[in-house]
Amino acid sequence: MPTYILVTKLAPEAMRDLKRREELGRQWREKVKENCPGVKFIAHYAILGHYDFFGHLRSQ
């Protein structure tokens, strides 16, 4: 089963409003589930450095 990582950097406006960021994340996950049914989210972490988030995904 292929394993992938996804690093994400959000726009500063999205980082200021936590409720909006949470909603954006929820919408994104729903789009992935709808368009990529074979992708499974293994883990998702907030990180320090150039990127804001690290995602671990698997595909069938």
C-alpha atoms as a PDB file:
ATOM      1  CA  MET A   1       0.000   0.000   0.000  1.00  0.00           C
ATOM      2  CA  PRO A   2       1.638   3.316  -1.063  1.00  0.00           C
ATOM      3  CA  THR A   3       2.288   5.808   1.726  1.00  0.00           C
ATOM      4  CA  TYR A   4       2.434   9.555   1.170  1.00  0.00           C
ATOM      5  CA  ILE A   5       3.166  12.656   3.169  1.00  0.00           C
ATOM      6  CA  LEU A   6       1.510  15.998   2.605  1.00  0.00           C
ATOM      7  CA  VAL A   7       2.961  19.218   3.990  1.00  0.00           C
ATOM      8  CA  THR A   8       0.675  22.235   4.080  1.00  0.00           C
ATOM      9  CA  LYS A   9       1.210  25.946   4.579  1.00  0.00           C
ATOM     10  CA  LEU A  10      -1.878  28.025   5.269  1.00  0.00           C
ATOM     11  CA  ALA A  11      -2.384  31.661   4.387  1.00  0.00           C
ATOM     12  CA  PRO A  12      -1.861  34.009   7.355  1.00  0.00           C
ATOM     13  CA  GLU A  13      -5.571  34.933   7.319  1.00  0.00           C
ATOM     14  CA  ALA A  14      -6.566  31.300   7.851  1.00  0.00           C
ATOM     15  CA  MET A  15      -4.173  30.948  10.782  1.00  0.00           C
ATOM     16  CA  ARG A  16      -5.647  33.939  12.637  1.00  0.00           C
ATOM     17  CA  ASP A  17      -9.139  32.463  12.942  1.00  0.00           C
ATOM     18  CA  LEU A  18      -9.019  28.977  14.475  1.00  0.00           C
ATOM     19  CA  LYS A  19     -12.698  28.222  13.877  1.00  0.00           C
ATOM     20  CA  ARG A  20     -12.318  29.113  10.205  1.00  0.00           C
ATOM     21  CA  ARG A  21      -9.165  26.983   9.945  1.00  0.00           C
ATOM     22  CA  GLU A  22     -11.008  24.060  11.463  1.00  0.00           C
ATOM     23  CA  GLU A  23     -13.846  24.471   8.958  1.00  0.00           C
ATOM     24  CA  LEU A  24     -11.407  24.730   6.028  1.00  0.00           C
ATOM     25  CA  GLY A  25      -9.742  21.513   7.176  1.00  0.00           C
ATOM     26  CA  ARG A  26     -13.086  19.744   7.447  1.00  0.00           C
ATOM     27  CA  GLN A  27     -14.102  20.887   3.946  1.00  0.00           C
ATOM     28  CA  TRP A  28     -10.763  19.748   2.514  1.00  0.00           C
ATOM     29  CA  ARG A  29     -11.040  16.286   4.113  1.00  0.00           C
ATOM     30  CA  GLU A  30     -14.560  15.888   2.709  1.00  0.00           C
ATOM     31  CA  LYS A  31     -13.343  16.797  -0.800  1.00  0.00           C
ATOM     32  CA  VAL A  32     -10.539  14.244  -0.535  1.00  0.00           C
ATOM     33  CA  LYS A  33     -12.976  11.532   0.646  1.00  0.00           C
ATOM     34  CA  GLU A  34     -15.346  12.358  -2.210  1.00  0.00           C
ATOM     35  CA  ASN A  35     -12.746  12.573  -4.996  1.00  0.00           C
ATOM     36  CA  CYS A  36     -10.178  10.041  -3.730  1.00  0.00           C
ATOM     37  CA  PRO A  37     -12.093   7.199  -2.044  1.00  0.00           C
ATOM     38  CA  GLY A  38      -8.977   5.006  -1.788  1.00  0.00           C
ATOM     39  CA  VAL A  39      -7.065   7.519   0.348  1.00  0.00           C
ATOM     40  CA  LYS A  40      -6.953   6.943   4.105  1.00  0.00           C
ATOM     41  CA  PHE A  41      -5.717   9.555   6.588  1.00  0.00           C
ATOM     42  CA  ILE A  42      -3.269   7.938   9.006  1.00  0.00           C
ATOM     43  CA  ALA A  43      -2.156  11.001  10.992  1.00  0.00           C
ATOM     44  CA  HIS A  44      -2.169  14.788  10.869  1.00  0.00           C
ATOM     45  CA  TYR A  45       0.166  17.016  12.891  1.00  0.00           C
ATOM     46  CA  ALA A  46       0.711  20.733  13.399  1.00  0.00           C
ATOM     47  CA  ILE A  47       4.442  21.394  12.967  1.00  0.00           C
ATOM     48  CA  LEU A  48       6.946  24.212  13.389  1.00  0.00           C
ATOM     49  CA  GLY A  49       9.070  25.493  10.531  1.00  0.00           C
ATOM     50  CA  HIS A  50       8.387  26.385   6.923  1.00  0.00           C
ATOM     51  CA  TYR A  51       5.130  24.386   6.803  1.00  0.00           C
ATOM     52  CA  ASP A  52       2.189  24.433   9.223  1.00  0.00           C
ATOM     53  CA  PHE A  53       0.907  20.858   8.954  1.00  0.00           C
ATOM     54  CA  PHE A  54       2.167  17.373   8.133  1.00  0.00           C
ATOM     55  CA  GLY A  55      -0.242  14.726   6.870  1.00  0.00           C
ATOM     56  CA  HIS A  56       0.407  10.986   6.589  1.00  0.00           C
ATOM     57  CA  LEU A  57      -1.828   9.259   4.024  1.00  0.00           C
ATOM     58  CA  ARG A  58      -2.180   5.808   2.462  1.00  0.00           C
ATOM     59  CA  SER A  59      -3.688   4.839  -0.836  1.00  0.00           C
ATOM     60  CA  GLN A  60      -5.030   1.526  -2.110  1.00  0.00           C
END
